[in-house]
């Protein structure tokens, strides 16, 4: 019984760990910011001028199958089978593509530099960036973090001079901002780390563990 109980406890701990596993791995070589931080509790609502000098990053919807083509601004490979260039600028990611979404915010302040550089490390192939206001607005509803108020203010995307250099599952960035700051949605491939267990199912597993534990305790008496 003790062994069985231990297995149940280990299983529950593993399930909790899986649901909280981030697909953003690290913001390395951070220069110019007061901090480069991956968070599960991002600033909410997003405001035009946080003035905190922090490069924030957080995971959004993971392993989402696009039901229609997604418009993006910068891609890792223009020749990829699911990428189509748009006349006049931008690209489509084809419907049926499985994507994961991540959001980044940079606004200088509190003694930071106006420019931040860092390497974004993720667990799957980087596909694209959304840097245009309209593309960010259009994707908030289905790719944004549930319950997050992204605020529809203008000049929300990156500047033309802000670099996003693709390097496999890494991206090297160099962004300069003033008022307002810089925001972008980073699109990656299917994330093997994002095993999403819905909260009701996780709660059900917890209740099952509690009931089994109670049965074990009764048998011990």
Protein backbone atom coordinates (compact mmCIF):
# COMPACT_ATOMS: atom_id res chain seq x y z
CA UNK A 1 0.00 0.00 0.00
CA UNK A 2 2.77 2.39 0.87
CA UNK A 3 4.43 1.73 -2.49
CA UNK A 4 1.13 2.26 -4.34
CA UNK A 5 0.55 5.51 -2.50
CA UNK A 6 4.04 6.71 -3.36
CA UNK A 7 3.48 5.96 -7.05
CA UNK A 8 0.25 7.96 -7.04
CA UNK A 9 1.96 10.92 -5.43
CA UNK A 10 4.83 10.83 -7.94
CA UNK A 11 2.35 10.61 -10.83
CA UNK A 12 0.43 13.65 -9.57
CA UNK A 13 3.62 15.66 -9.16
CA UNK A 14 4.67 14.76 -12.70
CA UNK A 15 1.29 15.85 -14.10
CA UNK A 16 1.52 19.21 -12.34
CA UNK A 17 5.04 19.65 -13.68
CA UNK A 18 3.99 18.83 -17.25
CA UNK A 19 1.18 21.36 -17.31
CA UNK A 20 3.47 24.13 -16.11
CA UNK A 21 6.41 23.35 -18.43
CA UNK A 22 7.31 26.44 -20.44
CA UNK A 23 8.25 26.24 -24.10
CA UNK A 24 10.28 29.41 -23.71
CA UNK A 25 13.48 28.03 -22.26
CA UNK A 26 15.79 30.98 -21.64
CA UNK A 27 16.58 34.61 -22.46
CA UNK A 28 20.36 34.48 -22.54
CA UNK A 29 23.11 37.05 -23.14
CA UNK A 30 20.80 39.82 -21.96
CA UNK A 31 22.40 43.25 -22.48
CA UNK A 32 20.88 46.69 -21.93
CA UNK A 33 17.85 45.66 -19.88
CA UNK A 34 17.43 45.69 -16.11
CA UNK A 35 16.33 42.06 -16.48
CA UNK A 36 15.27 39.55 -19.13
CA UNK A 37 12.48 37.52 -17.61
CA UNK A 38 10.32 34.57 -18.69
CA UNK A 39 7.15 34.70 -16.61
CA UNK A 40 3.94 32.75 -16.07
CA UNK A 41 2.32 35.87 -14.57
CA UNK A 42 2.85 38.59 -17.19
CA UNK A 43 1.94 42.26 -16.67
CA UNK A 44 -1.85 42.41 -17.10
CA UNK A 45 -3.16 44.54 -18.66
CA UNK A 46 -0.43 45.37 -21.17
CA UNK A 47 0.13 49.14 -21.01
CA UNK A 48 1.76 51.50 -23.50
CA UNK A 49 4.53 52.71 -21.22
CA UNK A 50 5.50 50.30 -18.44
CA UNK A 51 8.89 52.11 -18.26
CA UNK A 52 10.44 49.23 -16.31
CA UNK A 53 13.44 48.40 -18.48
CA UNK A 54 12.56 44.70 -18.43
CA UNK A 55 12.39 42.37 -21.41
CA UNK A 56 9.37 40.23 -20.56
CA UNK A 57 8.46 36.96 -22.32
CA UNK A 58 5.62 34.52 -21.78
CA UNK A 59 4.07 31.49 -23.44
CA UNK A 60 0.61 31.82 -24.93
CA UNK A 61 -1.53 29.18 -26.71
CA UNK A 62 0.47 26.05 -27.51
CA UNK A 63 0.11 23.45 -30.27
CA UNK A 64 -2.78 25.19 -31.99
CA UNK A 65 -3.86 23.99 -35.44
CA UNK A 66 -4.53 26.99 -37.66
CA UNK A 67 -8.07 26.85 -39.05
CA UNK A 68 -7.22 29.55 -41.59
CA UNK A 69 -4.06 31.14 -42.94
CA UNK A 70 -2.21 33.30 -40.39
CA UNK A 71 -0.66 36.59 -41.51
CA UNK A 72 2.83 37.25 -40.12
CA UNK A 73 5.59 39.77 -40.85
CA UNK A 74 8.92 37.92 -40.65
CA UNK A 75 9.57 34.24 -41.35
CA UNK A 76 12.46 31.86 -40.79
CA UNK A 77 12.31 30.42 -44.32
CA UNK A 78 10.46 31.99 -47.24
CA UNK A 79 10.73 28.71 -49.16
CA UNK A 80 9.04 26.57 -46.48
CA UNK A 81 6.07 24.61 -47.87
CA UNK A 82 3.58 26.26 -45.50
CA UNK A 83 4.82 29.84 -46.09
CA UNK A 84 3.44 32.06 -48.85
CA UNK A 85 4.69 35.58 -49.57
CA UNK A 86 2.07 38.33 -49.83
CA UNK A 87 2.34 40.96 -52.53
CA UNK A 88 3.13 44.23 -50.82
CA UNK A 89 4.74 42.64 -47.77
CA UNK A 90 4.21 39.96 -45.15
CA UNK A 91 3.54 36.24 -45.35
CA UNK A 92 0.84 33.64 -44.79
CA UNK A 93 1.33 30.54 -42.65
CA UNK A 94 -0.96 27.93 -44.18
CA UNK A 95 -4.14 26.65 -42.55
CA UNK A 96 -3.53 23.26 -40.94
CA UNK A 97 -0.10 24.27 -39.60
CA UNK A 98 0.39 23.49 -35.91
CA UNK A 99 1.84 26.50 -34.11
CA UNK A 100 2.75 27.64 -30.61
CA UNK A 101 2.60 31.29 -29.59
CA UNK A 102 4.84 33.39 -27.34
CA UNK A 103 4.76 37.10 -26.50
CA UNK A 104 7.54 39.58 -25.76
CA UNK A 105 7.49 43.08 -24.29
CA UNK A 106 10.32 45.60 -24.10
CA UNK A 107 10.10 49.15 -22.74
CA UNK A 108 13.18 51.00 -21.43
CA UNK A 109 13.16 52.77 -18.07
CA UNK A 110 14.41 52.66 -14.49
CA UNK A 111 17.98 53.31 -15.65
CA UNK A 112 18.09 50.72 -18.44
CA UNK A 113 19.52 51.32 -21.89
CA UNK A 114 17.12 52.22 -24.68
CA UNK A 115 18.37 49.12 -26.54
CA UNK A 116 18.12 45.49 -25.47
CA UNK A 117 19.89 42.53 -27.04
CA UNK A 118 19.37 38.89 -26.08
CA UNK A 119 19.06 35.36 -27.41
CA UNK A 120 15.62 33.79 -27.12
CA UNK A 121 15.87 30.03 -26.62
CA UNK A 122 12.82 27.84 -27.29
CA UNK A 123 12.12 24.11 -27.52
CA UNK A 124 10.93 24.00 -31.15
CA UNK A 125 11.65 25.53 -34.55
CA UNK A 126 10.95 29.25 -34.79
CA UNK A 127 8.51 29.98 -37.64
CA UNK A 128 7.73 33.68 -37.62
CA UNK A 129 7.26 37.02 -35.89
CA UNK A 130 4.21 39.26 -35.88
CA UNK A 131 5.42 42.86 -35.71
CA UNK A 132 2.55 44.79 -37.29
CA UNK A 133 -0.22 46.25 -35.12
CA UNK A 134 -3.05 44.85 -37.22
CA UNK A 135 -1.62 41.31 -37.21
CA UNK A 136 -1.18 41.42 -33.45
CA UNK A 137 -4.74 42.68 -32.92
CA UNK A 138 -6.16 40.03 -35.24
CA UNK A 139 -4.42 37.14 -33.46
CA UNK A 140 -4.98 38.16 -29.81
CA UNK A 141 -8.28 36.29 -29.54
CA UNK A 142 -7.07 32.83 -30.61
CA UNK A 143 -3.31 32.94 -29.93
CA UNK A 144 -3.18 35.27 -26.91
CA UNK A 145 -2.96 34.07 -23.32
CA UNK A 146 -6.52 33.48 -22.02
CA UNK A 147 -7.61 36.24 -19.64
CA UNK A 148 -4.88 38.59 -20.85
CA UNK A 149 -5.78 42.18 -21.80
CA UNK A 150 -3.39 43.09 -24.61
CA UNK A 151 -4.87 46.59 -25.07
CA UNK A 152 -5.46 47.75 -28.64
CA UNK A 153 -3.12 50.74 -28.70
CA UNK A 154 -1.22 51.78 -31.82
CA UNK A 155 2.56 51.49 -32.37
CA UNK A 156 2.41 48.18 -30.54
CA UNK A 157 4.71 46.20 -32.86
CA UNK A 158 8.45 46.28 -33.50
CA UNK A 159 10.32 49.01 -35.34
CA UNK A 160 11.68 48.31 -38.83
CA UNK A 161 15.24 48.57 -37.46
CA UNK A 162 14.59 46.05 -34.67
CA UNK A 163 16.39 42.85 -35.65
CA UNK A 164 15.15 39.28 -35.20
CA UNK A 165 17.82 36.90 -36.50
CA UNK A 166 16.58 33.31 -36.77
CA UNK A 167 18.95 30.56 -35.71
CA UNK A 168 17.08 27.25 -35.52
CA UNK A 169 15.23 27.17 -32.22
CA UNK A 170 17.00 30.36 -31.12
CA UNK A 171 16.42 33.98 -32.12
CA UNK A 172 18.98 36.75 -31.61
CA UNK A 173 17.29 40.11 -31.07
CA UNK A 174 18.39 43.73 -30.88
CA UNK A 175 15.54 46.16 -30.17
CA UNK A 176 15.47 49.89 -29.50
CA UNK A 177 12.36 51.52 -28.06
CA UNK A 178 11.20 54.82 -26.58
CA UNK A 179 7.50 55.65 -26.17
CA UNK A 180 5.64 53.34 -26.46
CA UNK A 181 7.76 50.21 -26.17
CA UNK A 182 8.11 47.13 -28.37
CA UNK A 183 5.79 44.13 -28.47
CA UNK A 184 5.78 41.10 -30.72
CA UNK A 185 4.21 37.67 -31.04
CA UNK A 186 6.70 34.89 -31.76
CA UNK A 187 5.32 31.85 -33.58
CA UNK A 188 7.04 28.46 -33.29
CA UNK A 189 6.38 24.89 -34.39
CA UNK A 190 4.68 22.14 -32.37
CA UNK A 191 6.12 22.21 -28.86
CA UNK A 192 7.00 18.79 -27.43
CA UNK A 193 7.15 20.26 -23.93
CA UNK A 194 3.63 21.71 -24.00
CA UNK A 195 1.55 18.72 -22.94
CA UNK A 196 -1.67 20.51 -22.18
CA UNK A 197 -3.95 18.84 -19.64
CA UNK A 198 -7.16 20.86 -19.19
CA UNK A 199 -7.65 22.13 -15.65
CA UNK A 200 -10.92 20.18 -15.09
CA UNK A 201 -9.12 16.93 -15.96
CA UNK A 202 -6.21 17.80 -13.72
CA UNK A 203 -8.63 18.58 -10.88
CA UNK A 204 -10.33 15.25 -11.53
CA UNK A 205 -7.00 13.44 -11.20
CA UNK A 206 -6.40 15.25 -7.93
CA UNK A 207 -9.81 14.15 -6.58
CA UNK A 208 -9.10 10.59 -7.69
CA UNK A 209 -5.83 10.66 -5.78
CA UNK A 210 -7.60 11.97 -2.66
CA UNK A 211 -10.27 9.24 -2.81
CA UNK A 212 -7.72 6.46 -3.33
CA UNK A 213 -5.68 7.84 -0.47
CA UNK A 214 -8.76 7.79 1.78
CA UNK A 215 -9.44 4.15 0.86
CA UNK A 216 -5.88 3.23 1.70
CA UNK A 217 -6.14 4.95 5.08
CA UNK A 218 -9.42 3.11 5.89
CA UNK A 219 -7.83 -0.25 5.13
CA UNK A 220 -4.98 0.56 7.47
CA UNK A 221 -7.37 1.05 10.39
